[in-house]
Amino acid sequence: MRIAKLAHYLLAVGAAVVGAQQPSISNPVQPPPSSIIRDPHSTNADFAVPLCPASFNDRLATNGVLDKFADGATPPVLKKSADAQFSEEARHQKRKGRITHFEAVLSFVVNTDGEPQNICLMRSTGYGLDAKAAEAVQKYKFAPATKDGKPVAARLHVQVDFNLHFGLF
């Protein structure tokens, strides 16, 4: 009975423990041909994350970025990730009961040292979360992609999911 009352209280006041799920990393693919649109609820911090172009011109021969994992190429391997933190703006929207799930998609190049660079936004979620997702991705560390056994730069896309979990903190 006490647990049920506590759960009801936590839901009523909106106390939350925040967690971001592990990032899902996908093979490099072209974004949709339409231009990428920033969420109308974007904050000043979100505007610091540049939007991705409508298409990437990644080619190992021209700009040194691997464009596909085939023919002796292996993708980067995530060695260290960082949790994306929830923004105050998103917490406020959650407390109002307007939003339960947020998701941002970022694209970046993993360089030959295994560090993310040229981070850009493919799908905006707004409320300060685009910036929080980019902050987390900047802290990722990878074993670099390889082509014929040698490290090469490669483009990755990462989906960062934000979920609020209710409980004590």
N, C-alpha and C. Protein backbone atom coordinates (compact mmCIF):
# COMPACT_ATOMS: atom_id res chain seq x y z
N MET A 1 0.81 -1.19 0.00
CA MET A 1 0.00 0.00 0.00
C MET A 1 0.86 1.26 0.00
N ARG A 2 1.91 1.25 0.85
CA ARG A 2 2.79 2.41 0.92
C ARG A 2 3.50 2.63 -0.42
N ILE A 3 3.87 1.53 -1.07
CA ILE A 3 4.57 1.65 -2.36
C ILE A 3 3.63 2.24 -3.40
N ALA A 4 2.38 1.81 -3.41
CA ALA A 4 1.42 2.35 -4.37
C ALA A 4 1.21 3.84 -4.15
N LYS A 5 1.13 4.27 -2.88
CA LYS A 5 0.97 5.70 -2.59
C LYS A 5 2.20 6.48 -3.03
N LEU A 6 3.38 5.92 -2.78
CA LEU A 6 4.63 6.57 -3.18
C LEU A 6 4.68 6.71 -4.70
N ALA A 7 4.33 5.65 -5.41
CA ALA A 7 4.33 5.71 -6.87
C ALA A 7 3.35 6.76 -7.37
N HIS A 8 2.18 6.80 -6.77
CA HIS A 8 1.19 7.80 -7.16
C HIS A 8 1.71 9.21 -6.89
N TYR A 9 2.34 9.40 -5.74
CA TYR A 9 2.91 10.71 -5.41
C TYR A 9 3.98 11.12 -6.41
N LEU A 10 4.87 10.18 -6.75
CA LEU A 10 5.94 10.51 -7.70
C LEU A 10 5.37 10.88 -9.06
N LEU A 11 4.34 10.19 -9.49
CA LEU A 11 3.71 10.54 -10.76
C LEU A 11 3.05 11.92 -10.67
N ALA A 12 2.46 12.22 -9.54
CA ALA A 12 1.74 13.48 -9.38
C ALA A 12 2.69 14.67 -9.37
N VAL A 13 3.82 14.56 -8.69
CA VAL A 13 4.73 15.70 -8.60
C VAL A 13 5.76 15.71 -9.72
N GLY A 14 5.89 14.61 -10.44
CA GLY A 14 6.79 14.59 -11.58
C GLY A 14 8.24 14.37 -11.21
N ALA A 15 8.53 13.82 -10.03
CA ALA A 15 9.92 13.51 -9.69
C ALA A 15 10.39 12.42 -10.63
N ALA A 16 11.59 12.56 -11.13
CA ALA A 16 12.04 11.59 -12.12
C ALA A 16 13.52 11.32 -12.01
N VAL A 17 13.87 10.10 -12.30
CA VAL A 17 15.27 9.76 -12.50
C VAL A 17 15.43 9.67 -14.00
N VAL A 18 16.45 10.32 -14.50
CA VAL A 18 16.60 10.43 -15.93
C VAL A 18 17.58 9.39 -16.43
N GLY A 19 17.27 8.81 -17.58
CA GLY A 19 18.20 7.88 -18.18
C GLY A 19 18.14 7.98 -19.68
N ALA A 20 19.27 7.91 -20.32
CA ALA A 20 19.32 7.83 -21.77
C ALA A 20 19.75 6.42 -22.12
N GLN A 21 19.09 5.82 -23.08
CA GLN A 21 19.42 4.46 -23.46
C GLN A 21 20.75 4.44 -24.19
N GLN A 22 21.34 3.25 -24.27
CA GLN A 22 22.58 3.11 -25.02
C GLN A 22 22.31 3.54 -26.46
N PRO A 23 23.28 4.18 -27.08
CA PRO A 23 23.06 4.64 -28.45
C PRO A 23 22.96 3.48 -29.42
N SER A 24 22.13 3.65 -30.43
CA SER A 24 22.09 2.66 -31.49
C SER A 24 22.86 3.25 -32.67
N ILE A 25 23.81 2.50 -33.17
CA ILE A 25 24.69 2.96 -34.24
C ILE A 25 24.34 2.21 -35.50
N SER A 26 24.22 2.93 -36.59
CA SER A 26 23.86 2.29 -37.84
C SER A 26 24.92 2.55 -38.90
N ASN A 27 24.88 1.74 -39.94
CA ASN A 27 25.79 1.94 -41.07
C ASN A 27 25.55 3.29 -41.69
N PRO A 28 26.58 3.85 -42.33
CA PRO A 28 26.36 5.14 -42.97
C PRO A 28 25.38 4.99 -44.13
N VAL A 29 24.36 5.78 -44.10
CA VAL A 29 23.38 5.83 -45.19
C VAL A 29 23.09 7.29 -45.45
N GLN A 30 22.60 7.56 -46.62
CA GLN A 30 22.26 8.93 -46.94
C GLN A 30 21.01 9.34 -46.18
N PRO A 31 20.97 10.56 -45.67
CA PRO A 31 19.73 11.03 -45.06
C PRO A 31 18.66 11.16 -46.14
N PRO A 32 17.40 11.28 -45.75
CA PRO A 32 16.35 11.43 -46.75
C PRO A 32 16.64 12.63 -47.64
N PRO A 33 16.21 12.59 -48.90
CA PRO A 33 16.53 13.67 -49.83
C PRO A 33 15.98 15.03 -49.43
N SER A 34 14.91 15.05 -48.62
CA SER A 34 14.39 16.34 -48.19
C SER A 34 15.35 16.96 -47.19
N SER A 35 15.31 18.26 -47.07
CA SER A 35 16.21 18.91 -46.15
C SER A 35 15.80 18.62 -44.71
N ILE A 36 16.76 18.67 -43.83
CA ILE A 36 16.54 18.38 -42.43
C ILE A 36 15.99 19.62 -41.76
N ILE A 37 14.97 19.43 -40.93
CA ILE A 37 14.28 20.55 -40.30
C ILE A 37 14.53 20.52 -38.80
N ARG A 38 14.84 21.69 -38.25
CA ARG A 38 15.04 21.81 -36.81
C ARG A 38 13.68 21.84 -36.12
N ASP A 39 13.58 21.17 -34.99
CA ASP A 39 12.35 21.15 -34.22
C ASP A 39 11.97 22.58 -33.82
N PRO A 40 10.70 22.94 -33.87
CA PRO A 40 10.30 24.31 -33.51
C PRO A 40 10.53 24.63 -32.04
N HIS A 41 10.77 23.62 -31.21
CA HIS A 41 11.02 23.85 -29.78
C HIS A 41 12.51 23.88 -29.47
N SER A 42 13.34 24.09 -30.48
CA SER A 42 14.79 24.13 -30.27
C SER A 42 15.17 25.34 -29.43
N THR A 43 16.18 25.13 -28.59
CA THR A 43 16.68 26.20 -27.74
C THR A 43 17.94 26.80 -28.36
N ASN A 44 18.46 27.86 -27.76
CA ASN A 44 19.72 28.45 -28.25
C ASN A 44 20.84 27.42 -28.25
N ALA A 45 20.88 26.55 -27.24
CA ALA A 45 21.91 25.51 -27.19
C ALA A 45 21.77 24.55 -28.37
N ASP A 46 20.53 24.22 -28.75
CA ASP A 46 20.32 23.32 -29.89
C ASP A 46 20.84 23.93 -31.19
N PHE A 47 20.71 25.25 -31.32
CA PHE A 47 21.15 25.91 -32.55
C PHE A 47 22.67 25.85 -32.73
N ALA A 48 23.41 25.51 -31.68
CA ALA A 48 24.86 25.36 -31.79
C ALA A 48 25.24 24.08 -32.53
N VAL A 49 24.31 23.13 -32.60
CA VAL A 49 24.57 21.88 -33.33
C VAL A 49 24.13 22.09 -34.77
N PRO A 50 25.07 22.03 -35.72
CA PRO A 50 24.68 22.29 -37.11
C PRO A 50 23.80 21.19 -37.68
N LEU A 51 22.92 21.58 -38.61
CA LEU A 51 22.12 20.59 -39.33
C LEU A 51 22.98 19.90 -40.37
N CYS A 52 22.71 18.63 -40.61
CA CYS A 52 23.44 17.88 -41.64
C CYS A 52 23.00 18.35 -43.02
N PRO A 53 23.88 18.20 -44.01
CA PRO A 53 23.45 18.51 -45.37
C PRO A 53 22.44 17.46 -45.85
N ALA A 54 21.76 17.76 -46.94
CA ALA A 54 20.77 16.83 -47.49
C ALA A 54 21.43 15.52 -47.93
N SER A 55 22.70 15.57 -48.32
CA SER A 55 23.44 14.35 -48.67
C SER A 55 24.91 14.54 -48.32
N PHE A 56 25.56 13.43 -48.06
CA PHE A 56 26.99 13.45 -47.76
C PHE A 56 27.74 12.98 -49.00
N ASN A 57 28.87 13.57 -49.25
CA ASN A 57 29.70 13.17 -50.39
C ASN A 57 30.93 12.42 -49.91
N ASP A 58 30.72 11.49 -48.98
CA ASP A 58 31.83 10.73 -48.41
C ASP A 58 32.34 9.71 -49.43
N ARG A 59 33.62 9.76 -49.68
CA ARG A 59 34.31 8.78 -50.53
C ARG A 59 35.72 8.66 -50.01
N LEU A 60 36.17 7.45 -49.82
CA LEU A 60 37.52 7.23 -49.32
C LEU A 60 38.55 7.85 -50.25
N ALA A 61 38.30 7.77 -51.54
CA ALA A 61 39.26 8.29 -52.52
C ALA A 61 39.30 9.81 -52.57
N THR A 62 38.18 10.49 -52.29
CA THR A 62 38.15 11.95 -52.44
C THR A 62 38.34 12.71 -51.14
N ASN A 63 37.58 12.37 -50.10
CA ASN A 63 37.73 13.12 -48.85
C ASN A 63 38.22 12.27 -47.69
N GLY A 64 38.59 11.02 -47.95
CA GLY A 64 39.18 10.17 -46.93
C GLY A 64 38.21 9.58 -45.94
N VAL A 65 36.90 9.66 -46.24
CA VAL A 65 35.90 9.11 -45.33
C VAL A 65 35.25 7.89 -45.99
N LEU A 66 35.32 6.77 -45.30
CA LEU A 66 34.75 5.53 -45.80
C LEU A 66 33.24 5.67 -45.96
N ASP A 67 32.72 5.30 -47.11
CA ASP A 67 31.29 5.47 -47.36
C ASP A 67 30.49 4.19 -47.26
N LYS A 68 31.13 3.04 -47.22
CA LYS A 68 30.40 1.78 -47.03
C LYS A 68 31.34 0.74 -46.45
N PHE A 69 30.76 -0.17 -45.67
CA PHE A 69 31.54 -1.20 -45.02
C PHE A 69 31.44 -2.48 -45.84
N ALA A 70 32.27 -2.57 -46.85
CA ALA A 70 32.30 -3.74 -47.72
C ALA A 70 33.72 -3.85 -48.29
N ASP A 71 34.00 -4.95 -48.93
CA ASP A 71 35.29 -5.14 -49.60
C ASP A 71 36.48 -4.89 -48.66
N GLY A 72 36.53 -5.63 -47.55
CA GLY A 72 37.66 -5.54 -46.64
C GLY A 72 37.59 -4.39 -45.65
N ALA A 73 36.44 -3.72 -45.57
CA ALA A 73 36.29 -2.62 -44.62
C ALA A 73 35.47 -3.07 -43.42
N THR A 74 35.88 -2.63 -42.25
CA THR A 74 35.12 -2.93 -41.04
C THR A 74 34.69 -1.62 -40.39
N PRO A 75 33.51 -1.58 -39.77
CA PRO A 75 33.03 -0.34 -39.16
C PRO A 75 33.76 -0.03 -37.85
N PRO A 76 33.66 1.21 -37.39
CA PRO A 76 34.20 1.54 -36.07
C PRO A 76 33.47 0.75 -34.99
N VAL A 77 34.18 0.48 -33.90
CA VAL A 77 33.58 -0.25 -32.79
C VAL A 77 33.55 0.68 -31.57
N LEU A 78 32.38 0.83 -30.99
CA LEU A 78 32.22 1.69 -29.83
C LEU A 78 32.95 1.09 -28.64
N LYS A 79 33.88 1.85 -28.06
CA LYS A 79 34.63 1.41 -26.89
C LYS A 79 34.14 2.09 -25.62
N LYS A 80 33.70 3.35 -25.74
CA LYS A 80 33.24 4.09 -24.57
C LYS A 80 32.12 5.02 -25.02
N SER A 81 31.00 4.96 -24.30
CA SER A 81 29.90 5.88 -24.58
C SER A 81 29.66 6.75 -23.35
N ALA A 82 28.87 7.75 -23.51
CA ALA A 82 28.49 8.63 -22.41
C ALA A 82 26.99 8.79 -22.42
N ASP A 83 26.39 8.84 -21.26
CA ASP A 83 24.95 9.04 -21.18
C ASP A 83 24.61 10.49 -21.50
N ALA A 84 23.61 10.67 -22.32
CA ALA A 84 23.10 12.01 -22.60
C ALA A 84 22.22 12.44 -21.44
N GLN A 85 22.41 13.63 -20.97
CA GLN A 85 21.65 14.14 -19.83
C GLN A 85 20.38 14.83 -20.32
N PHE A 86 19.36 14.80 -19.49
CA PHE A 86 18.11 15.46 -19.82
C PHE A 86 18.26 16.95 -19.59
N SER A 87 17.68 17.77 -20.44
CA SER A 87 17.71 19.23 -20.26
C SER A 87 16.56 19.67 -19.37
N GLU A 88 16.71 20.83 -18.77
CA GLU A 88 15.65 21.37 -17.92
C GLU A 88 14.38 21.65 -18.73
N GLU A 89 14.54 22.10 -19.98
CA GLU A 89 13.38 22.38 -20.83
C GLU A 89 12.56 21.11 -21.06
N ALA A 90 13.26 19.99 -21.31
CA ALA A 90 12.56 18.72 -21.55
C ALA A 90 11.90 18.21 -20.28
N ARG A 91 12.56 18.38 -19.14
CA ARG A 91 11.96 17.99 -17.86
C ARG A 91 10.65 18.75 -17.63
N HIS A 92 10.68 20.04 -17.95
CA HIS A 92 9.50 20.87 -17.77
C HIS A 92 8.35 20.36 -18.65
N GLN A 93 8.63 20.03 -19.90
CA GLN A 93 7.59 19.52 -20.79
C GLN A 93 7.06 18.18 -20.30
N LYS A 94 7.95 17.36 -19.77
CA LYS A 94 7.52 16.06 -19.25
C LYS A 94 6.61 16.24 -18.04
N ARG A 95 6.97 17.17 -17.16
CA ARG A 95 6.14 17.42 -15.98
C ARG A 95 4.74 17.87 -16.37
N LYS A 96 4.64 18.61 -17.46
CA LYS A 96 3.34 19.06 -17.94
C LYS A 96 2.56 17.92 -18.59
N GLY A 97 3.22 16.79 -18.79
CA GLY A 97 2.57 15.63 -19.38
C GLY A 97 2.44 15.71 -20.89
N ARG A 98 3.17 16.63 -21.51
CA ARG A 98 3.04 16.82 -22.96
C ARG A 98 3.85 15.81 -23.75
N ILE A 99 4.99 15.41 -23.21
CA ILE A 99 5.90 14.56 -23.98
C ILE A 99 6.43 13.45 -23.09
N THR A 100 6.52 12.24 -23.63
CA THR A 100 7.04 11.13 -22.86
C THR A 100 8.34 10.57 -23.43
N HIS A 101 8.62 10.83 -24.69
CA HIS A 101 9.79 10.25 -25.34
C HIS A 101 10.41 11.27 -26.28
N PHE A 102 11.72 11.37 -26.22
CA PHE A 102 12.46 12.28 -27.10
C PHE A 102 13.52 11.46 -27.83
N GLU A 103 13.84 11.86 -29.06
CA GLU A 103 14.83 11.13 -29.84
C GLU A 103 15.54 12.10 -30.78
N ALA A 104 16.86 12.08 -30.76
CA ALA A 104 17.66 12.89 -31.68
C ALA A 104 18.53 11.93 -32.49
N VAL A 105 18.78 12.26 -33.74
CA VAL A 105 19.68 11.47 -34.57
C VAL A 105 20.81 12.37 -35.03
N LEU A 106 22.03 11.93 -34.76
CA LEU A 106 23.22 12.69 -35.11
C LEU A 106 24.06 11.90 -36.10
N SER A 107 24.77 12.61 -36.94
CA SER A 107 25.73 12.00 -37.85
C SER A 107 27.09 12.60 -37.53
N PHE A 108 28.13 11.80 -37.69
CA PHE A 108 29.48 12.29 -37.43
C PHE A 108 30.48 11.37 -38.10
N VAL A 109 31.70 11.85 -38.19
CA VAL A 109 32.80 11.06 -38.74
C VAL A 109 33.66 10.59 -37.57
N VAL A 110 33.94 9.30 -37.53
CA VAL A 110 34.90 8.76 -36.56
C VAL A 110 36.26 8.82 -37.25
N ASN A 111 37.18 9.61 -36.69
CA ASN A 111 38.48 9.76 -37.33
C ASN A 111 39.37 8.55 -37.07
N THR A 112 40.57 8.58 -37.58
CA THR A 112 41.48 7.43 -37.46
C THR A 112 41.97 7.22 -36.03
N ASP A 113 41.75 8.19 -35.16
CA ASP A 113 42.08 8.03 -33.74
C ASP A 113 40.88 7.53 -32.94
N GLY A 114 39.74 7.32 -33.60
CA GLY A 114 38.54 6.81 -32.94
C GLY A 114 37.71 7.87 -32.24
N GLU A 115 37.92 9.13 -32.62
CA GLU A 115 37.17 10.23 -32.00
C GLU A 115 36.13 10.80 -32.95
N PRO A 116 34.95 11.16 -32.42
CA PRO A 116 33.92 11.76 -33.28
C PRO A 116 34.31 13.18 -33.68
N GLN A 117 34.01 13.53 -34.90
CA GLN A 117 34.23 14.90 -35.38
C GLN A 117 33.16 15.25 -36.39
N ASN A 118 33.00 16.53 -36.67
CA ASN A 118 31.99 17.00 -37.63
C ASN A 118 30.58 16.50 -37.29
N ILE A 119 30.20 16.65 -36.03
CA ILE A 119 28.88 16.21 -35.58
C ILE A 119 27.82 17.14 -36.16
N CYS A 120 26.78 16.54 -36.72
CA CYS A 120 25.66 17.33 -37.23
C CYS A 120 24.35 16.61 -36.92
N LEU A 121 23.27 17.34 -37.01
CA LEU A 121 21.95 16.86 -36.61
C LEU A 121 21.15 16.38 -37.82
N MET A 122 20.69 15.13 -37.75
CA MET A 122 19.86 14.56 -38.82
C MET A 122 18.38 14.61 -38.44
N ARG A 123 18.06 14.45 -37.14
CA ARG A 123 16.69 14.54 -36.67
C ARG A 123 16.70 15.32 -35.36
N SER A 124 15.98 16.41 -35.35
CA SER A 124 15.95 17.30 -34.20
C SER A 124 14.82 16.91 -33.26
N THR A 125 15.07 17.04 -31.97
CA THR A 125 14.03 16.79 -30.98
C THR A 125 13.71 18.05 -30.17
N GLY A 126 14.60 19.04 -30.21
CA GLY A 126 14.35 20.31 -29.53
C GLY A 126 14.48 20.23 -28.02
N TYR A 127 13.96 21.24 -27.33
CA TYR A 127 13.94 21.32 -25.88
C TYR A 127 15.34 21.21 -25.25
N GLY A 128 16.38 21.56 -25.98
CA GLY A 128 17.74 21.49 -25.46
C GLY A 128 18.37 20.12 -25.56
N LEU A 129 17.62 19.14 -26.06
CA LEU A 129 18.12 17.77 -26.12
C LEU A 129 19.06 17.52 -27.29
N ASP A 130 18.93 18.29 -28.37
CA ASP A 130 19.87 18.14 -29.49
C ASP A 130 21.28 18.45 -28.99
N ALA A 131 21.40 19.51 -28.21
CA ALA A 131 22.71 19.90 -27.67
C ALA A 131 23.22 18.87 -26.68
N LYS A 132 22.33 18.33 -25.83
CA LYS A 132 22.73 17.31 -24.86
C LYS A 132 23.19 16.03 -25.55
N ALA A 133 22.51 15.67 -26.64
CA ALA A 133 22.91 14.49 -27.40
C ALA A 133 24.29 14.70 -28.03
N ALA A 134 24.52 15.88 -28.59
CA ALA A 134 25.82 16.18 -29.21
C ALA A 134 26.93 16.19 -28.15
N GLU A 135 26.65 16.71 -26.96
CA GLU A 135 27.63 16.69 -25.86
C GLU A 135 28.04 15.26 -25.53
N ALA A 136 27.06 14.37 -25.45
CA ALA A 136 27.34 12.97 -25.13
C ALA A 136 28.15 12.31 -26.24
N VAL A 137 27.75 12.51 -27.49
CA VAL A 137 28.45 11.88 -28.62
C VAL A 137 29.89 12.36 -28.69
N GLN A 138 30.15 13.61 -28.35
CA GLN A 138 31.51 14.14 -28.37
C GLN A 138 32.43 13.36 -27.42
N LYS A 139 31.86 12.72 -26.40
CA LYS A 139 32.65 11.97 -25.42
C LYS A 139 32.86 10.51 -25.82
N TYR A 140 32.21 10.05 -26.88
CA TYR A 140 32.36 8.66 -27.32
C TYR A 140 33.79 8.40 -27.76
N LYS A 141 34.21 7.15 -27.60
CA LYS A 141 35.51 6.69 -28.09
C LYS A 141 35.28 5.40 -28.86
N PHE A 142 35.97 5.26 -29.99
CA PHE A 142 35.81 4.12 -30.88
C PHE A 142 37.16 3.49 -31.20
N ALA A 143 37.12 2.22 -31.58
CA ALA A 143 38.22 1.63 -32.33
C ALA A 143 37.89 2.04 -33.76
N PRO A 144 38.82 2.68 -34.48
CA PRO A 144 38.46 3.22 -35.80
C PRO A 144 38.08 2.15 -36.81
N ALA A 145 37.40 2.58 -37.85
CA ALA A 145 37.09 1.70 -38.97
C ALA A 145 38.41 1.31 -39.63
N THR A 146 38.39 0.20 -40.32
CA THR A 146 39.60 -0.22 -41.04
C THR A 146 39.24 -0.58 -42.47
N LYS A 147 40.18 -0.38 -43.33
CA LYS A 147 40.07 -0.80 -44.73
C LYS A 147 41.39 -1.50 -45.05
N ASP A 148 41.30 -2.78 -45.36
CA ASP A 148 42.49 -3.59 -45.63
C ASP A 148 43.48 -3.53 -44.46
N GLY A 149 42.93 -3.54 -43.23
CA GLY A 149 43.75 -3.59 -42.03
C GLY A 149 44.30 -2.25 -41.56
N LYS A 150 44.03 -1.17 -42.27
CA LYS A 150 44.54 0.15 -41.89
C LYS A 150 43.39 1.03 -41.40
N PRO A 151 43.63 1.84 -40.34
CA PRO A 151 42.55 2.70 -39.85
C PRO A 151 42.16 3.76 -40.88
N VAL A 152 40.85 3.96 -40.99
CA VAL A 152 40.31 5.00 -41.88
C VAL A 152 39.16 5.72 -41.18
N ALA A 153 38.87 6.91 -41.60
CA ALA A 153 37.73 7.65 -41.08
C ALA A 153 36.45 7.06 -41.69
N ALA A 154 35.37 7.09 -40.91
CA ALA A 154 34.09 6.56 -41.40
C ALA A 154 32.95 7.35 -40.77
N ARG A 155 31.87 7.50 -41.53
CA ARG A 155 30.68 8.20 -41.05
C ARG A 155 29.75 7.23 -40.34
N LEU A 156 29.21 7.67 -39.21
CA LEU A 156 28.21 6.91 -38.47
C LEU A 156 27.00 7.80 -38.19
N HIS A 157 25.88 7.17 -37.97
CA HIS A 157 24.66 7.84 -37.53
C HIS A 157 24.28 7.21 -36.19
N VAL A 158 23.95 8.04 -35.22
CA VAL A 158 23.59 7.55 -33.90
C VAL A 158 22.23 8.12 -33.51
N GLN A 159 21.37 7.25 -33.05
CA GLN A 159 20.07 7.66 -32.52
C GLN A 159 20.20 7.71 -31.00
N VAL A 160 19.91 8.85 -30.42
CA VAL A 160 19.97 9.01 -28.97
C VAL A 160 18.54 9.14 -28.46
N ASP A 161 18.12 8.17 -27.66
CA ASP A 161 16.77 8.16 -27.09
C ASP A 161 16.83 8.68 -25.66
N PHE A 162 15.89 9.54 -25.33
CA PHE A 162 15.76 10.08 -23.98
C PHE A 162 14.44 9.59 -23.42
N ASN A 163 14.48 8.98 -22.25
CA ASN A 163 13.27 8.52 -21.57
C ASN A 163 13.36 8.94 -20.11
N LEU A 164 12.25 9.35 -19.55
CA LEU A 164 12.18 9.64 -18.13
C LEU A 164 11.71 8.38 -17.41
N HIS A 165 12.39 8.06 -16.32
CA HIS A 165 12.00 6.93 -15.49
C HIS A 165 11.65 7.48 -14.12
N PHE A 166 10.50 7.11 -13.61
CA PHE A 166 10.05 7.64 -12.33
C PHE A 166 10.67 6.84 -11.19
N GLY A 167 11.03 7.56 -10.15
CA GLY A 167 11.59 6.94 -8.96
C GLY A 167 12.20 8.00 -8.05
N LEU A 168 12.91 7.57 -7.06
CA LEU A 168 13.55 8.49 -6.13
C LEU A 168 14.97 8.78 -6.59
N PHE A 169 15.43 9.98 -6.29
CA PHE A 169 16.83 10.32 -6.58
C PHE A 169 17.34 11.30 -5.57
